[in-house]
Amino acid sequence: MAVLNEIRDRIRQVAPQVLAACVVVYFVFHAIQGDRGLLAYLQLTQQLDETEAVAQDLSERRASWEHKVSLLKPGSLDPDMLEERARSVLNYLRDDEVVIYLPDGRTRTDAN
């Protein structure tokens, strides 16, 4: 009977410490793996960085298109832009220009 009493006394001494360790492990696990844990935070910051890069690229492309459109508005029509667009769409050249065909299929116009 003395052995059983000794085991009970030791369990009473160790049980609160084991229970506290289990609670700490539970909270640490969820702090790392949980829905709002460390790994979720790192994943969200990576997605945020990727989204900001896409947004920056799109805003640069939009600014470029807005600039091109503003050059074609009637109030601020740029004659060079109009001539460039008309010549590329209609495939026209001046009489004094020569077309040089490049190996990769692009063309370059040169004046004589």
PDB file of N, CA and C in Angstrom:
ATOM      1  N   MET A   1       0.811  -1.183   0.000  1.00  0.00           N
ATOM      2  CA  MET A   1       0.000   0.000   0.000  1.00  0.00           C
ATOM      3  C   MET A   1       0.860   1.254   0.000  1.00  0.00           C
ATOM      4  N   ALA A   2       1.999   1.160   0.579  1.00  0.00           N
ATOM      5  CA  ALA A   2       2.901   2.307   0.632  1.00  0.00           C
ATOM      6  C   ALA A   2       3.370   2.684  -0.758  1.00  0.00           C
ATOM      7  N   VAL A   3       3.512   1.696  -1.629  1.00  0.00           N
ATOM      8  CA  VAL A   3       3.941   1.960  -3.005  1.00  0.00           C
ATOM      9  C   VAL A   3       2.860   2.750  -3.742  1.00  0.00           C
ATOM     10  N   LEU A   4       1.603   2.386  -3.560  1.00  0.00           N
ATOM     11  CA  LEU A   4       0.510   3.105  -4.215  1.00  0.00           C
ATOM     12  C   LEU A   4       0.408   4.543  -3.711  1.00  0.00           C
ATOM     13  N   ASN A   5       0.609   4.728  -2.408  1.00  0.00           N
ATOM     14  CA  ASN A   5       0.577   6.088  -1.869  1.00  0.00           C
ATOM     15  C   ASN A   5       1.727   6.921  -2.433  1.00  0.00           C
ATOM     16  N   GLU A   6       2.864   6.324  -2.578  1.00  0.00           N
ATOM     17  CA  GLU A   6       4.031   7.032  -3.159  1.00  0.00           C
ATOM     18  C   GLU A   6       3.749   7.424  -4.610  1.00  0.00           C
ATOM     19  N   ILE A   7       3.125   6.518  -5.367  1.00  0.00           N
ATOM     20  CA  ILE A   7       2.794   6.822  -6.771  1.00  0.00           C
ATOM     21  C   ILE A   7       1.773   7.953  -6.839  1.00  0.00           C
ATOM     22  N   ARG A   8       0.773   7.907  -5.988  1.00  0.00           N
ATOM     23  CA  ARG A   8      -0.241   8.977  -5.964  1.00  0.00           C
ATOM     24  C   ARG A   8       0.387  10.321  -5.602  1.00  0.00           C
ATOM     25  N   ASP A   9       1.265  10.344  -4.663  1.00  0.00           N
ATOM     26  CA  ASP A   9       1.919  11.597  -4.275  1.00  0.00           C
ATOM     27  C   ASP A   9       2.751  12.164  -5.424  1.00  0.00           C
ATOM     28  N   ARG A  10       3.457  11.282  -6.076  1.00  0.00           N
ATOM     29  CA  ARG A  10       4.287  11.744  -7.216  1.00  0.00           C
ATOM     30  C   ARG A  10       3.410  12.247  -8.362  1.00  0.00           C
ATOM     31  N   ILE A  11       2.282  11.547  -8.627  1.00  0.00           N
ATOM     32  CA  ILE A  11       1.368  11.999  -9.686  1.00  0.00           C
ATOM     33  C   ILE A  11       0.799  13.355  -9.329  1.00  0.00           C
ATOM     34  N   ARG A  12       0.453  13.582  -8.082  1.00  0.00           N
ATOM     35  CA  ARG A  12      -0.077  14.883  -7.652  1.00  0.00           C
ATOM     36  C   ARG A  12       0.973  15.986  -7.807  1.00  0.00           C
ATOM     37  N   GLN A  13       2.220  15.644  -7.658  1.00  0.00           N
ATOM     38  CA  GLN A  13       3.282  16.648  -7.834  1.00  0.00           C
ATOM     39  C   GLN A  13       3.538  16.936  -9.316  1.00  0.00           C
ATOM     40  N   VAL A  14       3.466  15.915 -10.156  1.00  0.00           N
ATOM     41  CA  VAL A  14       3.836  16.045 -11.570  1.00  0.00           C
ATOM     42  C   VAL A  14       2.657  16.490 -12.437  1.00  0.00           C
ATOM     43  N   ALA A  15       1.443  16.137 -12.075  1.00  0.00           N
ATOM     44  CA  ALA A  15       0.269  16.400 -12.911  1.00  0.00           C
ATOM     45  C   ALA A  15       0.100  17.877 -13.279  1.00  0.00           C
ATOM     46  N   PRO A  16       0.191  18.816 -12.349  1.00  0.00           N
ATOM     47  CA  PRO A  16       0.024  20.231 -12.746  1.00  0.00           C
ATOM     48  C   PRO A  16       1.098  20.695 -13.740  1.00  0.00           C
ATOM     49  N   GLN A  17       2.303  20.195 -13.568  1.00  0.00           N
ATOM     50  CA  GLN A  17       3.371  20.584 -14.488  1.00  0.00           C
ATOM     51  C   GLN A  17       3.139  20.003 -15.881  1.00  0.00           C
ATOM     52  N   VAL A  18       2.692  18.772 -15.957  1.00  0.00           N
ATOM     53  CA  VAL A  18       2.391  18.144 -17.247  1.00  0.00           C
ATOM     54  C   VAL A  18       1.217  18.855 -17.905  1.00  0.00           C
ATOM     55  N   LEU A  19       0.193  19.185 -17.134  1.00  0.00           N
ATOM     56  CA  LEU A  19      -0.957  19.899 -17.662  1.00  0.00           C
ATOM     57  C   LEU A  19      -0.541  21.283 -18.169  1.00  0.00           C
ATOM     58  N   ALA A  20       0.287  21.985 -17.447  1.00  0.00           N
ATOM     59  CA  ALA A  20       0.762  23.307 -17.879  1.00  0.00           C
ATOM     60  C   ALA A  20       1.595  23.191 -19.154  1.00  0.00           C
ATOM     61  N   ALA A  21       2.434  22.155 -19.241  1.00  0.00           N
ATOM     62  CA  ALA A  21       3.239  21.944 -20.444  1.00  0.00           C
ATOM     63  C   ALA A  21       2.346  21.656 -21.648  1.00  0.00           C
ATOM     64  N   CYS A  22       1.279  20.871 -21.459  1.00  0.00           N
ATOM     65  CA  CYS A  22       0.338  20.578 -22.553  1.00  0.00           C
ATOM     66  C   CYS A  22      -0.375  21.843 -23.019  1.00  0.00           C
ATOM     67  N   VAL A  23      -0.762  22.695 -22.080  1.00  0.00           N
ATOM     68  CA  VAL A  23      -1.425  23.949 -22.443  1.00  0.00           C
ATOM     69  C   VAL A  23      -0.463  24.851 -23.229  1.00  0.00           C
ATOM     70  N   VAL A  24       0.780  24.930 -22.801  1.00  0.00           N
ATOM     71  CA  VAL A  24       1.768  25.744 -23.507  1.00  0.00           C
ATOM     72  C   VAL A  24       2.013  25.199 -24.909  1.00  0.00           C
ATOM     73  N   VAL A  25       2.144  23.893 -25.045  1.00  0.00           N
ATOM     74  CA  VAL A  25       2.351  23.278 -26.361  1.00  0.00           C
ATOM     75  C   VAL A  25       1.149  23.559 -27.265  1.00  0.00           C
ATOM     76  N   TYR A  26      -0.059  23.466 -26.718  1.00  0.00           N
ATOM     77  CA  TYR A  26      -1.275  23.741 -27.497  1.00  0.00           C
ATOM     78  C   TYR A  26      -1.253  25.163 -28.055  1.00  0.00           C
ATOM     79  N   PHE A  27      -0.963  26.150 -27.197  1.00  0.00           N
ATOM     80  CA  PHE A  27      -0.979  27.533 -27.654  1.00  0.00           C
ATOM     81  C   PHE A  27       0.168  27.847 -28.612  1.00  0.00           C
ATOM     82  N   VAL A  28       1.329  27.266 -28.408  1.00  0.00           N
ATOM     83  CA  VAL A  28       2.458  27.474 -29.310  1.00  0.00           C
ATOM     84  C   VAL A  28       2.151  26.873 -30.683  1.00  0.00           C
ATOM     85  N   PHE A  29       1.570  25.687 -30.685  1.00  0.00           N
ATOM     86  CA  PHE A  29       1.208  25.048 -31.948  1.00  0.00           C
ATOM     87  C   PHE A  29       0.244  25.926 -32.731  1.00  0.00           C
ATOM     88  N   HIS A  30      -0.790  26.434 -32.084  1.00  0.00           N
ATOM     89  CA  HIS A  30      -1.777  27.259 -32.780  1.00  0.00           C
ATOM     90  C   HIS A  30      -1.233  28.646 -33.119  1.00  0.00           C
ATOM     91  N   ALA A  31      -0.256  29.106 -32.375  1.00  0.00           N
ATOM     92  CA  ALA A  31       0.372  30.386 -32.717  1.00  0.00           C
ATOM     93  C   ALA A  31       1.196  30.261 -33.992  1.00  0.00           C
ATOM     94  N   ILE A  32       1.670  29.083 -34.288  1.00  0.00           N
ATOM     95  CA  ILE A  32       2.463  28.868 -35.505  1.00  0.00           C
ATOM     96  C   ILE A  32       1.586  28.353 -36.642  1.00  0.00           C
ATOM     97  N   GLN A  33       0.762  27.357 -36.391  1.00  0.00           N
ATOM     98  CA  GLN A  33       0.006  26.677 -37.442  1.00  0.00           C
ATOM     99  C   GLN A  33      -1.426  27.171 -37.618  1.00  0.00           C
ATOM    100  N   GLY A  34      -1.950  27.974 -36.741  1.00  0.00           N
ATOM    101  CA  GLY A  34      -3.355  28.345 -36.767  1.00  0.00           C
ATOM    102  C   GLY A  34      -3.732  29.253 -37.932  1.00  0.00           C
ATOM    103  N   ASP A  35      -5.041  29.559 -38.024  1.00  0.00           N
ATOM    104  CA  ASP A  35      -5.546  30.419 -39.092  1.00  0.00           C
ATOM    105  C   ASP A  35      -4.931  31.810 -39.044  1.00  0.00           C
ATOM    106  N   ARG A  36      -4.588  32.268 -37.869  1.00  0.00           N
ATOM    107  CA  ARG A  36      -3.968  33.586 -37.714  1.00  0.00           C
ATOM    108  C   ARG A  36      -2.553  33.450 -37.146  1.00  0.00           C
ATOM    109  N   GLY A  37      -1.942  32.319 -37.406  1.00  0.00           N
ATOM    110  CA  GLY A  37      -0.617  32.032 -36.871  1.00  0.00           C
ATOM    111  C   GLY A  37       0.499  32.628 -37.706  1.00  0.00           C
ATOM    112  N   LEU A  38       1.703  32.282 -37.351  1.00  0.00           N
ATOM    113  CA  LEU A  38       2.899  32.822 -37.978  1.00  0.00           C
ATOM    114  C   LEU A  38       2.997  32.420 -39.447  1.00  0.00           C
ATOM    115  N   LEU A  39       2.732  31.162 -39.757  1.00  0.00           N
ATOM    116  CA  LEU A  39       2.812  30.711 -41.149  1.00  0.00           C
ATOM    117  C   LEU A  39       1.746  31.379 -42.010  1.00  0.00           C
ATOM    118  N   ALA A  40       0.541  31.569 -41.476  1.00  0.00           N
ATOM    119  CA  ALA A  40      -0.514  32.267 -42.216  1.00  0.00           C
ATOM    120  C   ALA A  40      -0.116  33.722 -42.461  1.00  0.00           C
ATOM    121  N   TYR A  41       0.510  34.342 -41.473  1.00  0.00           N
ATOM    122  CA  TYR A  41       0.972  35.720 -41.629  1.00  0.00           C
ATOM    123  C   TYR A  41       2.027  35.829 -42.731  1.00  0.00           C
ATOM    124  N   LEU A  42       2.971  34.898 -42.746  1.00  0.00           N
ATOM    125  CA  LEU A  42       4.004  34.921 -43.782  1.00  0.00           C
ATOM    126  C   LEU A  42       3.408  34.705 -45.166  1.00  0.00           C
ATOM    127  N   GLN A  43       2.443  33.813 -45.274  1.00  0.00           N
ATOM    128  CA  GLN A  43       1.783  33.577 -46.552  1.00  0.00           C
ATOM    129  C   GLN A  43       1.009  34.811 -47.007  1.00  0.00           C
ATOM    130  N   LEU A  44       0.323  35.460 -46.098  1.00  0.00           N
ATOM    131  CA  LEU A  44      -0.427  36.672 -46.453  1.00  0.00           C
ATOM    132  C   LEU A  44       0.506  37.813 -46.866  1.00  0.00           C
ATOM    133  N   THR A  45       1.637  37.955 -46.204  1.00  0.00           N
ATOM    134  CA  THR A  45       2.566  39.024 -46.607  1.00  0.00           C
ATOM    135  C   THR A  45       3.160  38.733 -47.978  1.00  0.00           C
ATOM    136  N   GLN A  46       3.410  37.465 -48.287  1.00  0.00           N
ATOM    137  CA  GLN A  46       3.905  37.115 -49.625  1.00  0.00           C
ATOM    138  C   GLN A  46       2.847  37.421 -50.680  1.00  0.00           C
ATOM    139  N   GLN A  47       1.588  37.083 -50.417  1.00  0.00           N
ATOM    140  CA  GLN A  47       0.517  37.389 -51.355  1.00  0.00           C
ATOM    141  C   GLN A  47       0.352  38.897 -51.519  1.00  0.00           C
ATOM    142  N   LEU A  48       0.513  39.637 -50.437  1.00  0.00           N
ATOM    143  CA  LEU A  48       0.406  41.087 -50.498  1.00  0.00           C
ATOM    144  C   LEU A  48       1.509  41.675 -51.370  1.00  0.00           C
ATOM    145  N   ASP A  49       2.735  41.183 -51.231  1.00  0.00           N
ATOM    146  CA  ASP A  49       3.846  41.662 -52.053  1.00  0.00           C
ATOM    147  C   ASP A  49       3.601  41.372 -53.527  1.00  0.00           C
ATOM    148  N   GLU A  50       3.110  40.165 -53.827  1.00  0.00           N
ATOM    149  CA  GLU A  50       2.823  39.814 -55.224  1.00  0.00           C
ATOM    150  C   GLU A  50       1.714  40.694 -55.789  1.00  0.00           C
ATOM    151  N   THR A  51       0.687  40.936 -55.001  1.00  0.00           N
ATOM    152  CA  THR A  51      -0.428  41.761 -55.451  1.00  0.00           C
ATOM    153  C   THR A  51       0.009  43.207 -55.660  1.00  0.00           C
ATOM    154  N   GLU A  52       0.861  43.718 -54.781  1.00  0.00           N
ATOM    155  CA  GLU A  52       1.364  45.084 -54.956  1.00  0.00           C
ATOM    156  C   GLU A  52       2.220  45.199 -56.206  1.00  0.00           C
ATOM    157  N   ALA A  53       3.004  44.161 -56.515  1.00  0.00           N
ATOM    158  CA  ALA A  53       3.815  44.181 -57.737  1.00  0.00           C
ATOM    159  C   ALA A  53       2.924  44.183 -58.977  1.00  0.00           C
ATOM    160  N   VAL A  54       1.867  43.383 -58.958  1.00  0.00           N
ATOM    161  CA  VAL A  54       0.928  43.358 -60.086  1.00  0.00           C
ATOM    162  C   VAL A  54       0.229  44.708 -60.213  1.00  0.00           C
ATOM    163  N   ALA A  55      -0.173  45.278 -59.091  1.00  0.00           N
ATOM    164  CA  ALA A  55      -0.843  46.575 -59.107  1.00  0.00           C
ATOM    165  C   ALA A  55       0.088  47.666 -59.649  1.00  0.00           C
ATOM    166  N   GLN A  56       1.348  47.630 -59.270  1.00  0.00           N
ATOM    167  CA  GLN A  56       2.317  48.603 -59.770  1.00  0.00           C
ATOM    168  C   GLN A  56       2.488  48.458 -61.278  1.00  0.00           C
ATOM    169  N   ASP A  57       2.609  47.229 -61.763  1.00  0.00           N
ATOM    170  CA  ASP A  57       2.746  46.983 -63.194  1.00  0.00           C
ATOM    171  C   ASP A  57       1.523  47.480 -63.956  1.00  0.00           C
ATOM    172  N   LEU A  58       0.342  47.194 -63.424  1.00  0.00           N
ATOM    173  CA  LEU A  58      -0.883  47.628 -64.088  1.00  0.00           C
ATOM    174  C   LEU A  58      -1.021  49.147 -64.082  1.00  0.00           C
ATOM    175  N   SER A  59      -0.604  49.790 -63.008  1.00  0.00           N
ATOM    176  CA  SER A  59      -0.709  51.253 -62.970  1.00  0.00           C
ATOM    177  C   SER A  59       0.271  51.888 -63.958  1.00  0.00           C
ATOM    178  N   GLU A  60       1.454  51.273 -64.138  1.00  0.00           N
ATOM    179  CA  GLU A  60       2.396  51.789 -65.136  1.00  0.00           C
ATOM    180  C   GLU A  60       1.845  51.616 -66.547  1.00  0.00           C
ATOM    181  N   ARG A  61       1.236  50.455 -66.812  1.00  0.00           N
ATOM    182  CA  ARG A  61       0.652  50.228 -68.131  1.00  0.00           C
ATOM    183  C   ARG A  61      -0.510  51.176 -68.381  1.00  0.00           C
ATOM    184  N   ARG A  62      -1.314  51.414 -67.351  1.00  0.00           N
ATOM    185  CA  ARG A  62      -2.437  52.333 -67.496  1.00  0.00           C
ATOM    186  C   ARG A  62      -1.941  53.751 -67.760  1.00  0.00           C
ATOM    187  N   ALA A  63      -0.906  54.179 -67.050  1.00  0.00           N
ATOM    188  CA  ALA A  63      -0.357  55.520 -67.270  1.00  0.00           C
ATOM    189  C   ALA A  63       0.175  55.653 -68.690  1.00  0.00           C
ATOM    190  N   SER A  64       0.808  54.599 -69.198  1.00  0.00           N
ATOM    191  CA  SER A  64       1.310  54.626 -70.568  1.00  0.00           C
ATOM    192  C   SER A  64       0.164  54.772 -71.560  1.00  0.00           C
ATOM    193  N   TRP A  65      -0.897  53.985 -71.374  1.00  0.00           N
ATOM    194  CA  TRP A  65      -2.049  54.080 -72.275  1.00  0.00           C
ATOM    195  C   TRP A  65      -2.738  55.433 -72.150  1.00  0.00           C
ATOM    196  N   GLU A  66      -2.861  55.963 -70.942  1.00  0.00           N
ATOM    197  CA  GLU A  66      -3.487  57.274 -70.776  1.00  0.00           C
ATOM    198  C   GLU A  66      -2.684  58.351 -71.488  1.00  0.00           C
ATOM    199  N   HIS A  67      -1.362  58.234 -71.441  1.00  0.00           N
ATOM    200  CA  HIS A  67      -0.518  59.205 -72.129  1.00  0.00           C
ATOM    201  C   HIS A  67      -0.719  59.111 -73.643  1.00  0.00           C
ATOM    202  N   LYS A  68      -0.758  57.887 -74.174  1.00  0.00           N
ATOM    203  CA  LYS A  68      -0.962  57.717 -75.611  1.00  0.00           C
ATOM    204  C   LYS A  68      -2.334  58.241 -76.036  1.00  0.00           C
ATOM    205  N   VAL A  69      -3.347  57.986 -75.237  1.00  0.00           N
ATOM    206  CA  VAL A  69      -4.693  58.464 -75.565  1.00  0.00           C
ATOM    207  C   VAL A  69      -4.741  59.983 -75.498  1.00  0.00           C
ATOM    208  N   SER A  70      -4.060  60.565 -74.523  1.00  0.00           N
ATOM    209  CA  SER A  70      -4.082  62.033 -74.412  1.00  0.00           C
ATOM    210  C   SER A  70      -3.405  62.689 -75.613  1.00  0.00           C
ATOM    211  N   LEU A  71      -2.446  61.998 -76.231  1.00  0.00           N
ATOM    212  CA  LEU A  71      -1.800  62.558 -77.420  1.00  0.00           C
ATOM    213  C   LEU A  71      -2.717  62.521 -78.635  1.00  0.00           C
ATOM    214  N   LEU A  72      -3.719  61.661 -78.620  1.00  0.00           N
ATOM    215  CA  LEU A  72      -4.625  61.541 -79.758  1.00  0.00           C
ATOM    216  C   LEU A  72      -5.923  62.326 -79.577  1.00  0.00           C
ATOM    217  N   LYS A  73      -6.103  63.021 -78.473  1.00  0.00           N
ATOM    218  CA  LYS A  73      -7.308  63.826 -78.263  1.00  0.00           C
ATOM    219  C   LYS A  73      -7.287  65.040 -79.186  1.00  0.00           C
ATOM    220  N   PRO A  74      -8.456  65.469 -79.642  1.00  0.00           N
ATOM    221  CA  PRO A  74      -8.514  66.589 -80.592  1.00  0.00           C
ATOM    222  C   PRO A  74      -7.900  67.888 -80.069  1.00  0.00           C
ATOM    223  N   GLY A  75      -8.020  68.150 -78.771  1.00  0.00           N
ATOM    224  CA  GLY A  75      -7.486  69.388 -78.218  1.00  0.00           C
ATOM    225  C   GLY A  75      -5.968  69.424 -78.174  1.00  0.00           C
ATOM    226  N   SER A  76      -5.347  68.261 -78.080  1.00  0.00           N
ATOM    227  CA  SER A  76      -3.891  68.219 -77.975  1.00  0.00           C
ATOM    228  C   SER A  76      -3.325  67.181 -78.935  1.00  0.00           C
ATOM    229  N   LEU A  77      -3.760  67.219 -80.162  1.00  0.00           N
ATOM    230  CA  LEU A  77      -3.335  66.236 -81.148  1.00  0.00           C
ATOM    231  C   LEU A  77      -1.877  66.457 -81.510  1.00  0.00           C
ATOM    232  N   ASP A  78      -1.086  65.430 -81.331  1.00  0.00           N
ATOM    233  CA  ASP A  78       0.326  65.483 -81.670  1.00  0.00           C
ATOM    234  C   ASP A  78       0.481  65.017 -83.117  1.00  0.00           C
ATOM    235  N   PRO A  79       0.951  65.880 -84.006  1.00  0.00           N
ATOM    236  CA  PRO A  79       1.050  65.506 -85.422  1.00  0.00           C
ATOM    237  C   PRO A  79       1.975  64.295 -85.655  1.00  0.00           C
ATOM    238  N   ASP A  80       3.037  64.196 -84.898  1.00  0.00           N
ATOM    239  CA  ASP A  80       3.943  63.055 -85.059  1.00  0.00           C
ATOM    240  C   ASP A  80       3.254  61.740 -84.695  1.00  0.00           C
ATOM    241  N   MET A  81       2.489  61.766 -83.603  1.00  0.00           N
ATOM    242  CA  MET A  81       1.770  60.562 -83.189  1.00  0.00           C
ATOM    243  C   MET A  81       0.712  60.197 -84.228  1.00  0.00           C
ATOM    244  N   LEU A  82       0.005  61.180 -84.754  1.00  0.00           N
ATOM    245  CA  LEU A  82      -1.007  60.918 -85.771  1.00  0.00           C
ATOM    246  C   LEU A  82      -0.371  60.321 -87.024  1.00  0.00           C
ATOM    247  N   GLU A  83       0.741  60.893 -87.463  1.00  0.00           N
ATOM    248  CA  GLU A  83       1.418  60.385 -88.658  1.00  0.00           C
ATOM    249  C   GLU A  83       1.925  58.957 -88.413  1.00  0.00           C
ATOM    250  N   GLU A  84       2.502  58.721 -87.257  1.00  0.00           N
ATOM    251  CA  GLU A  84       3.021  57.384 -86.945  1.00  0.00           C
ATOM    252  C   GLU A  84       1.912  56.345 -86.973  1.00  0.00           C
ATOM    253  N   ARG A  85       0.789  56.639 -86.328  1.00  0.00           N
ATOM    254  CA  ARG A  85      -0.324  55.688 -86.296  1.00  0.00           C
ATOM    255  C   ARG A  85      -0.918  55.481 -87.690  1.00  0.00           C
ATOM    256  N   ALA A  86      -1.084  56.558 -88.462  1.00  0.00           N
ATOM    257  CA  ALA A  86      -1.664  56.439 -89.798  1.00  0.00           C
ATOM    258  C   ALA A  86      -0.759  55.622 -90.711  1.00  0.00           C
ATOM    259  N   ARG A  87       0.531  55.846 -90.637  1.00  0.00           N
ATOM    260  CA  ARG A  87       1.463  55.118 -91.493  1.00  0.00           C
ATOM    261  C   ARG A  87       1.533  53.638 -91.109  1.00  0.00           C
ATOM    262  N   SER A  88       1.493  53.334 -89.816  1.00  0.00           N
ATOM    263  CA  SER A  88       1.572  51.933 -89.415  1.00  0.00           C
ATOM    264  C   SER A  88       0.276  51.189 -89.743  1.00  0.00           C
ATOM    265  N   VAL A  89      -0.866  51.847 -89.593  1.00  0.00           N
ATOM    266  CA  VAL A  89      -2.140  51.192 -89.878  1.00  0.00           C
ATOM    267  C   VAL A  89      -2.348  51.025 -91.377  1.00  0.00           C
ATOM    268  N   LEU A  90      -2.010  52.051 -92.156  1.00  0.00           N
ATOM    269  CA  LEU A  90      -2.257  52.025 -93.608  1.00  0.00           C
ATOM    270  C   LEU A  90      -1.098  51.449 -94.415  1.00  0.00           C
ATOM    271  N   ASN A  91       0.033  51.188 -93.795  1.00  0.00           N
ATOM    272  CA  ASN A  91       1.223  50.670 -94.480  1.00  0.00           C
ATOM    273  C   ASN A  91       1.704  51.617 -95.587  1.00  0.00           C
ATOM    274  N   TYR A  92       1.790  52.878 -95.284  1.00  0.00           N
ATOM    275  CA  TYR A  92       2.259  53.861 -96.263  1.00  0.00           C
ATOM    276  C   TYR A  92       3.680  54.290 -95.941  1.00  0.00           C
ATOM    277  N   LEU A  93       4.420  54.597 -97.005  1.00  0.00           N
ATOM    278  CA  LEU A  93       5.764  55.161 -96.896  1.00  0.00           C
ATOM    279  C   LEU A  93       5.836  56.389 -97.778  1.00  0.00           C
ATOM    280  N   ARG A  94       6.811  57.231 -97.483  1.00  0.00           N
ATOM    281  CA  ARG A  94       7.068  58.355 -98.381  1.00  0.00           C
ATOM    282  C   ARG A  94       7.882  57.864 -99.571  1.00  0.00           C
ATOM    283  N   ASP A  95       7.940  58.688-100.614  1.00  0.00           N
ATOM    284  CA  ASP A  95       8.686  58.306-101.813  1.00  0.00           C
ATOM    285  C   ASP A  95      10.181  58.195-101.544  1.00  0.00           C
ATOM    286  N   ASP A  96      10.684  58.980-100.595  1.00  0.00           N
ATOM    287  CA  ASP A  96      12.129  58.981-100.352  1.00  0.00           C
ATOM    288  C   ASP A  96      12.551  57.991 -99.249  1.00  0.00           C
ATOM    289  N   GLU A  97      11.686  57.090 -98.823  1.00  0.00           N
ATOM    290  CA  GLU A  97      12.012  56.143 -97.771  1.00  0.00           C
ATOM    291  C   GLU A  97      12.266  54.751 -98.358  1.00  0.00           C
ATOM    292  N   VAL A  98      13.090  53.992 -97.651  1.00  0.00           N
ATOM    293  CA  VAL A  98      13.442  52.635 -98.066  1.00  0.00           C
ATOM    294  C   VAL A  98      13.097  51.696 -96.907  1.00  0.00           C
ATOM    295  N   VAL A  99      12.513  50.549 -97.217  1.00  0.00           N
ATOM    296  CA  VAL A  99      12.199  49.550 -96.208  1.00  0.00           C
ATOM    297  C   VAL A  99      13.297  48.493 -96.226  1.00  0.00           C
ATOM    298  N   ILE A 100      13.860  48.228 -95.060  1.00  0.00           N
ATOM    299  CA  ILE A 100      14.896  47.210 -94.932  1.00  0.00           C
ATOM    300  C   ILE A 100      14.291  46.072 -94.122  1.00  0.00           C
ATOM    301  N   TYR A 101      14.265  44.872 -94.696  1.00  0.00           N
ATOM    302  CA  TYR A 101      13.718  43.711 -94.006  1.00  0.00           C
ATOM    303  C   TYR A 101      14.816  43.076 -93.160  1.00  0.00           C
ATOM    304  N   LEU A 102      14.547  42.944 -91.902  1.00  0.00           N
ATOM    305  CA  LEU A 102      15.495  42.364 -90.967  1.00  0.00           C
ATOM    306  C   LEU A 102      15.242  40.864 -90.854  1.00  0.00           C
ATOM    307  N   PRO A 103      16.252  40.095 -90.441  1.00  0.00           N
ATOM    308  CA  PRO A 103      16.117  38.627 -90.404  1.00  0.00           C
ATOM    309  C   PRO A 103      14.973  38.125 -89.521  1.00  0.00           C
ATOM    310  N   ASP A 104      14.678  38.807 -88.427  1.00  0.00           N
ATOM    311  CA  ASP A 104      13.640  38.295 -87.525  1.00  0.00           C
ATOM    312  C   ASP A 104      12.237  38.739 -87.914  1.00  0.00           C
ATOM    313  N   GLY A 105      12.077  39.359 -89.083  1.00  0.00           N
ATOM    314  CA  GLY A 105      10.751  39.719 -89.570  1.00  0.00           C
ATOM    315  C   GLY A 105      10.343  41.143 -89.280  1.00  0.00           C
ATOM    316  N   ARG A 106      11.076  41.838 -88.449  1.00  0.00           N
ATOM    317  CA  ARG A 106      10.745  43.239 -88.182  1.00  0.00           C
ATOM    318  C   ARG A 106      11.173  44.078 -89.368  1.00  0.00           C
ATOM    319  N   THR A 107      10.640  45.266 -89.493  1.00  0.00           N
ATOM    320  CA  THR A 107      11.044  46.188 -90.563  1.00  0.00           C
ATOM    321  C   THR A 107      11.536  47.472 -89.935  1.00  0.00           C
ATOM    322  N   ARG A 108      12.397  48.129 -90.649  1.00  0.00           N
ATOM    323  CA  ARG A 108      12.921  49.408 -90.200  1.00  0.00           C
ATOM    324  C   ARG A 108      12.905  50.348 -91.400  1.00  0.00           C
ATOM    325  N   THR A 109      12.376  51.538 -91.248  1.00  0.00           N
ATOM    326  CA  THR A 109      12.330  52.489 -92.352  1.00  0.00           C
ATOM    327  C   THR A 109      13.481  53.460 -92.213  1.00  0.00           C
ATOM    328  N   ASP A 110      14.159  53.730 -93.330  1.00  0.00           N
ATOM    329  CA  ASP A 110      15.261  54.696 -93.370  1.00  0.00           C
ATOM    330  C   ASP A 110      14.997  55.703 -94.471  1.00  0.00           C
ATOM    331  N   ALA A 111      15.352  56.949 -94.219  1.00  0.00           N
ATOM    332  CA  ALA A 111      15.226  57.982 -95.243  1.00  0.00           C
ATOM    333  C   ALA A 111      16.508  57.986 -96.076  1.00  0.00           C
ATOM    334  N   ASN A 112      16.369  58.238 -97.393  1.00  0.00           N
ATOM    335  CA  ASN A 112      17.528  58.315 -98.285  1.00  0.00           C
ATOM    336  C   ASN A 112      18.313  59.566 -98.069  1.00  0.00           C
TER     337      ASN A 112
END
